[in-house]
C-alpha cells in the first residue's frame, strides 16, 4: 500500500493506494499517529484503494473516534468493493462517506 499525505494547515488528506489489510494496516496506523494530533479535519481518499479488510476497518474506526472529537473525518472516492464492505459491516452508517 502507498500512502500520500497532503496537508493544508490543520486539514490533512491521506490518499491510499493498493490494499488495506492485515499486512498494511500497521503502516496506516503509524501514519495516522503522526497526523491526528495536529489535524483538525481528516480526509481519506480511497480513489486508488482496491480492498479493505477487518484490520483496515479497525484502523479507520480508531481514527474516526479521535477525529469525531475534532473537526471530523470523511472518506471519499470509495469504489464498489470497499463500499460493499462498509455496508455489510455497518461502517456506512458510522463513517462520513462523500
N, C-alpha and C. Protein backbone atom coordinates (compact mmCIF):
# COMPACT_ATOMS: atom_id res chain seq x y z
N UNK A 1 0.84 -1.17 0.00
CA UNK A 1 0.00 0.00 0.00
C UNK A 1 0.89 1.24 0.00
N UNK A 2 0.42 2.25 -0.69
CA UNK A 2 1.11 3.53 -0.73
C UNK A 2 0.22 4.58 -0.07
N UNK A 3 0.81 5.42 0.77
CA UNK A 3 0.07 6.49 1.43
C UNK A 3 0.72 7.81 1.03
N UNK A 4 -0.08 8.69 0.45
CA UNK A 4 0.39 10.04 0.11
C UNK A 4 -0.37 11.04 0.96
N UNK A 5 0.38 11.92 1.63
CA UNK A 5 -0.22 12.89 2.54
C UNK A 5 -0.16 14.28 1.92
N UNK A 6 -1.28 14.99 2.01
CA UNK A 6 -1.35 16.39 1.63
C UNK A 6 -1.87 17.14 2.85
N UNK A 7 -1.19 18.24 3.19
CA UNK A 7 -1.61 19.00 4.36
C UNK A 7 -1.75 20.47 3.99
N UNK A 8 -2.90 21.02 4.39
CA UNK A 8 -3.17 22.44 4.20
C UNK A 8 -3.54 23.00 5.57
N UNK A 9 -2.56 23.49 6.29
CA UNK A 9 -2.80 23.93 7.66
C UNK A 9 -3.14 22.73 8.52
N UNK A 10 -4.33 22.77 9.15
CA UNK A 10 -4.77 21.68 10.01
C UNK A 10 -5.67 20.68 9.27
N UNK A 11 -5.81 20.87 7.95
CA UNK A 11 -6.61 19.95 7.13
C UNK A 11 -5.67 18.96 6.44
N UNK A 12 -5.86 17.69 6.74
CA UNK A 12 -4.98 16.65 6.22
C UNK A 12 -5.77 15.71 5.31
N UNK A 13 -5.17 15.37 4.17
CA UNK A 13 -5.75 14.38 3.27
C UNK A 13 -4.74 13.25 3.10
N UNK A 14 -5.22 12.02 3.29
CA UNK A 14 -4.40 10.85 3.04
C UNK A 14 -4.98 10.11 1.84
N UNK A 15 -4.16 9.94 0.80
CA UNK A 15 -4.56 9.18 -0.38
C UNK A 15 -3.96 7.78 -0.25
N UNK A 16 -4.83 6.77 -0.23
CA UNK A 16 -4.37 5.39 -0.08
C UNK A 16 -4.46 4.68 -1.41
N UNK A 17 -3.43 3.90 -1.71
CA UNK A 17 -3.38 3.17 -2.97
C UNK A 17 -2.99 1.72 -2.68
N UNK A 18 -3.77 0.78 -3.21
CA UNK A 18 -3.47 -0.64 -3.03
C UNK A 18 -4.47 -1.32 -2.12
N UNK A 19 -3.95 -2.13 -1.19
CA UNK A 19 -4.79 -2.93 -0.30
C UNK A 19 -4.54 -2.52 1.15
N UNK A 20 -5.63 -2.31 1.88
CA UNK A 20 -5.53 -2.02 3.31
C UNK A 20 -5.97 -3.29 4.04
N UNK A 21 -4.99 -4.06 4.49
CA UNK A 21 -5.28 -5.35 5.09
C UNK A 21 -4.39 -5.58 6.30
N UNK A 22 -4.31 -6.80 6.77
CA UNK A 22 -3.53 -7.13 7.96
C UNK A 22 -2.07 -6.75 7.81
N UNK A 23 -1.54 -6.90 6.63
CA UNK A 23 -0.13 -6.60 6.38
C UNK A 23 0.14 -5.10 6.35
N UNK A 24 -0.78 -4.33 5.76
CA UNK A 24 -0.53 -2.91 5.54
C UNK A 24 -1.18 -1.97 6.56
N UNK A 25 -2.13 -2.47 7.34
CA UNK A 25 -2.80 -1.59 8.30
C UNK A 25 -1.86 -0.99 9.35
N UNK A 26 -0.80 -1.68 9.79
CA UNK A 26 0.13 -1.04 10.72
C UNK A 26 0.81 0.20 10.10
N UNK A 27 1.02 0.17 8.80
CA UNK A 27 1.61 1.31 8.10
C UNK A 27 0.69 2.53 8.18
N UNK A 28 -0.62 2.31 7.95
CA UNK A 28 -1.58 3.41 8.05
C UNK A 28 -1.70 3.88 9.49
N UNK A 29 -1.70 2.94 10.41
CA UNK A 29 -1.80 3.29 11.83
C UNK A 29 -0.63 4.18 12.25
N UNK A 30 0.57 3.85 11.80
CA UNK A 30 1.75 4.65 12.11
C UNK A 30 1.64 6.05 11.51
N UNK A 31 1.17 6.14 10.28
CA UNK A 31 1.00 7.45 9.63
C UNK A 31 -0.03 8.28 10.38
N UNK A 32 -1.12 7.65 10.78
CA UNK A 32 -2.17 8.38 11.50
C UNK A 32 -1.67 8.91 12.84
N UNK A 33 -0.79 8.18 13.50
CA UNK A 33 -0.26 8.64 14.79
C UNK A 33 0.50 9.95 14.62
N UNK A 34 1.16 10.13 13.49
CA UNK A 34 1.91 11.36 13.25
C UNK A 34 0.99 12.50 12.81
N UNK A 35 -0.19 12.17 12.31
CA UNK A 35 -1.09 13.17 11.71
C UNK A 35 -2.19 13.63 12.65
N UNK A 36 -2.78 12.72 13.41
CA UNK A 36 -4.02 13.00 14.12
C UNK A 36 -3.91 14.07 15.20
N UNK A 37 -2.79 14.17 15.85
CA UNK A 37 -2.67 15.13 16.94
C UNK A 37 -2.86 16.57 16.47
N UNK A 38 -2.25 16.92 15.34
CA UNK A 38 -2.32 18.30 14.85
C UNK A 38 -3.49 18.55 13.91
N UNK A 39 -4.06 17.50 13.34
CA UNK A 39 -5.13 17.67 12.35
C UNK A 39 -6.44 18.08 12.99
N UNK A 40 -7.14 19.01 12.33
CA UNK A 40 -8.49 19.37 12.74
C UNK A 40 -9.52 18.63 11.89
N UNK A 41 -9.19 18.42 10.62
CA UNK A 41 -10.04 17.61 9.74
C UNK A 41 -9.15 16.61 9.02
N UNK A 42 -9.74 15.45 8.74
CA UNK A 42 -9.01 14.39 8.04
C UNK A 42 -9.88 13.88 6.91
N UNK A 43 -9.30 13.85 5.72
CA UNK A 43 -9.97 13.26 4.56
C UNK A 43 -9.15 12.06 4.12
N UNK A 44 -9.83 10.93 3.97
CA UNK A 44 -9.18 9.72 3.48
C UNK A 44 -9.69 9.50 2.06
N UNK A 45 -8.81 9.64 1.08
CA UNK A 45 -9.18 9.47 -0.33
C UNK A 45 -8.89 8.04 -0.73
N UNK A 46 -9.96 7.31 -1.05
CA UNK A 46 -9.85 5.89 -1.40
C UNK A 46 -9.95 5.64 -2.89
N UNK A 47 -9.71 6.66 -3.73
CA UNK A 47 -9.88 6.50 -5.17
C UNK A 47 -9.00 5.40 -5.75
N UNK A 48 -7.87 5.11 -5.10
CA UNK A 48 -6.97 4.07 -5.60
C UNK A 48 -6.84 2.89 -4.63
N UNK A 49 -7.77 2.82 -3.67
CA UNK A 49 -7.77 1.70 -2.73
C UNK A 49 -8.58 0.55 -3.33
N UNK A 50 -7.96 -0.61 -3.45
CA UNK A 50 -8.60 -1.76 -4.10
C UNK A 50 -9.37 -2.64 -3.14
N UNK A 51 -8.96 -2.66 -1.87
CA UNK A 51 -9.52 -3.65 -0.93
C UNK A 51 -9.30 -3.16 0.50
N UNK A 52 -10.24 -3.51 1.37
CA UNK A 52 -10.07 -3.23 2.80
C UNK A 52 -10.52 -4.45 3.60
N UNK A 53 -9.73 -4.82 4.60
CA UNK A 53 -10.06 -5.96 5.46
C UNK A 53 -10.51 -5.46 6.83
N UNK A 54 -10.83 -6.39 7.71
CA UNK A 54 -11.25 -6.02 9.07
C UNK A 54 -10.14 -5.29 9.81
N UNK A 55 -8.90 -5.61 9.51
CA UNK A 55 -7.78 -4.90 10.15
C UNK A 55 -7.77 -3.44 9.71
N UNK A 56 -8.07 -3.19 8.45
CA UNK A 56 -8.16 -1.82 7.96
C UNK A 56 -9.34 -1.09 8.56
N UNK A 57 -10.45 -1.79 8.73
CA UNK A 57 -11.63 -1.19 9.34
C UNK A 57 -11.34 -0.76 10.78
N UNK A 58 -10.59 -1.56 11.49
CA UNK A 58 -10.22 -1.24 12.87
C UNK A 58 -9.44 0.07 12.93
N UNK A 59 -8.50 0.25 12.01
CA UNK A 59 -7.70 1.48 11.97
C UNK A 59 -8.59 2.68 11.64
N UNK A 60 -9.51 2.49 10.68
CA UNK A 60 -10.43 3.58 10.33
C UNK A 60 -11.30 3.97 11.51
N UNK A 61 -11.81 2.98 12.24
CA UNK A 61 -12.67 3.27 13.38
C UNK A 61 -11.91 4.04 14.47
N UNK A 62 -10.67 3.66 14.72
CA UNK A 62 -9.86 4.36 15.72
C UNK A 62 -9.64 5.81 15.29
N UNK A 63 -9.34 6.04 14.02
CA UNK A 63 -9.14 7.41 13.52
C UNK A 63 -10.44 8.20 13.60
N UNK A 64 -11.55 7.54 13.27
CA UNK A 64 -12.85 8.20 13.32
C UNK A 64 -13.17 8.66 14.75
N UNK A 65 -12.87 7.82 15.73
CA UNK A 65 -13.13 8.18 17.13
C UNK A 65 -12.33 9.41 17.54
N UNK A 66 -11.06 9.47 17.17
CA UNK A 66 -10.22 10.62 17.50
C UNK A 66 -10.74 11.87 16.79
N UNK A 67 -11.03 11.75 15.51
CA UNK A 67 -11.42 12.92 14.72
C UNK A 67 -12.84 13.39 15.02
N UNK A 68 -13.68 12.54 15.57
CA UNK A 68 -15.05 12.96 15.90
C UNK A 68 -15.05 13.98 17.04
N UNK A 69 -13.98 14.01 17.81
CA UNK A 69 -13.83 15.00 18.88
C UNK A 69 -13.22 16.29 18.36
N UNK A 70 -12.86 16.31 17.09
CA UNK A 70 -12.25 17.49 16.47
C UNK A 70 -13.18 17.96 15.35
N UNK A 71 -12.59 18.24 14.18
CA UNK A 71 -13.36 18.74 13.04
C UNK A 71 -14.00 17.67 12.20
N UNK A 72 -13.66 16.40 12.45
CA UNK A 72 -14.29 15.31 11.73
C UNK A 72 -13.38 14.64 10.71
N UNK A 73 -13.87 13.51 10.23
CA UNK A 73 -13.16 12.71 9.24
C UNK A 73 -14.14 12.32 8.16
N UNK A 74 -13.70 12.37 6.90
CA UNK A 74 -14.55 11.88 5.82
C UNK A 74 -13.74 10.97 4.92
N UNK A 75 -14.45 10.05 4.29
CA UNK A 75 -13.85 9.11 3.36
C UNK A 75 -14.43 9.41 1.99
N UNK A 76 -13.56 9.60 1.00
CA UNK A 76 -14.03 9.98 -0.33
C UNK A 76 -13.60 8.96 -1.38
N UNK A 77 -14.29 9.02 -2.52
CA UNK A 77 -13.95 8.22 -3.71
C UNK A 77 -13.87 6.72 -3.43
N UNK A 78 -14.89 6.20 -2.77
CA UNK A 78 -14.93 4.79 -2.39
C UNK A 78 -15.45 3.97 -3.57
N UNK A 79 -14.71 2.92 -3.94
CA UNK A 79 -15.17 2.07 -5.04
C UNK A 79 -16.24 1.08 -4.56
N UNK A 80 -16.83 0.35 -5.48
CA UNK A 80 -17.95 -0.55 -5.16
C UNK A 80 -17.55 -1.65 -4.18
N UNK A 81 -16.36 -2.18 -4.32
CA UNK A 81 -15.92 -3.28 -3.46
C UNK A 81 -15.78 -2.81 -2.01
N UNK A 82 -15.13 -1.68 -1.82
CA UNK A 82 -14.94 -1.14 -0.47
C UNK A 82 -16.29 -0.68 0.09
N UNK A 83 -17.12 -0.07 -0.74
CA UNK A 83 -18.43 0.38 -0.29
C UNK A 83 -19.27 -0.79 0.20
N UNK A 84 -19.18 -1.91 -0.49
CA UNK A 84 -19.92 -3.10 -0.08
C UNK A 84 -19.45 -3.59 1.30
N UNK A 85 -18.15 -3.55 1.54
CA UNK A 85 -17.61 -3.92 2.85
C UNK A 85 -18.17 -2.97 3.91
N UNK A 86 -18.18 -1.66 3.61
CA UNK A 86 -18.72 -0.68 4.55
C UNK A 86 -20.19 -0.96 4.86
N UNK A 87 -20.96 -1.31 3.85
CA UNK A 87 -22.39 -1.56 4.05
C UNK A 87 -22.64 -2.83 4.85
N UNK A 88 -21.92 -3.90 4.52
CA UNK A 88 -22.11 -5.18 5.21
C UNK A 88 -21.72 -5.09 6.68
N UNK A 89 -20.68 -4.32 6.98
CA UNK A 89 -20.17 -4.22 8.35
C UNK A 89 -20.85 -3.13 9.17
N UNK A 90 -21.66 -2.29 8.53
CA UNK A 90 -22.30 -1.19 9.23
C UNK A 90 -21.47 0.09 9.26
N UNK A 91 -20.28 0.06 8.68
CA UNK A 91 -19.43 1.24 8.65
C UNK A 91 -20.03 2.34 7.78
N UNK A 92 -20.89 1.99 6.86
CA UNK A 92 -21.56 3.00 6.02
C UNK A 92 -22.41 3.93 6.89
N UNK A 93 -22.89 3.42 8.02
CA UNK A 93 -23.69 4.23 8.94
C UNK A 93 -22.84 5.02 9.93
N UNK A 94 -21.59 4.60 10.10
CA UNK A 94 -20.70 5.25 11.08
C UNK A 94 -19.86 6.34 10.43
N UNK A 95 -19.27 6.03 9.28
CA UNK A 95 -18.35 6.95 8.63
C UNK A 95 -19.07 7.99 7.80
N UNK A 96 -18.43 9.13 7.63
CA UNK A 96 -18.91 10.17 6.71
C UNK A 96 -18.29 9.86 5.35
N UNK A 97 -19.09 9.26 4.47
CA UNK A 97 -18.60 8.86 3.15
C UNK A 97 -19.14 9.83 2.12
N UNK A 98 -18.22 10.51 1.44
CA UNK A 98 -18.62 11.51 0.45
C UNK A 98 -18.32 11.02 -0.96
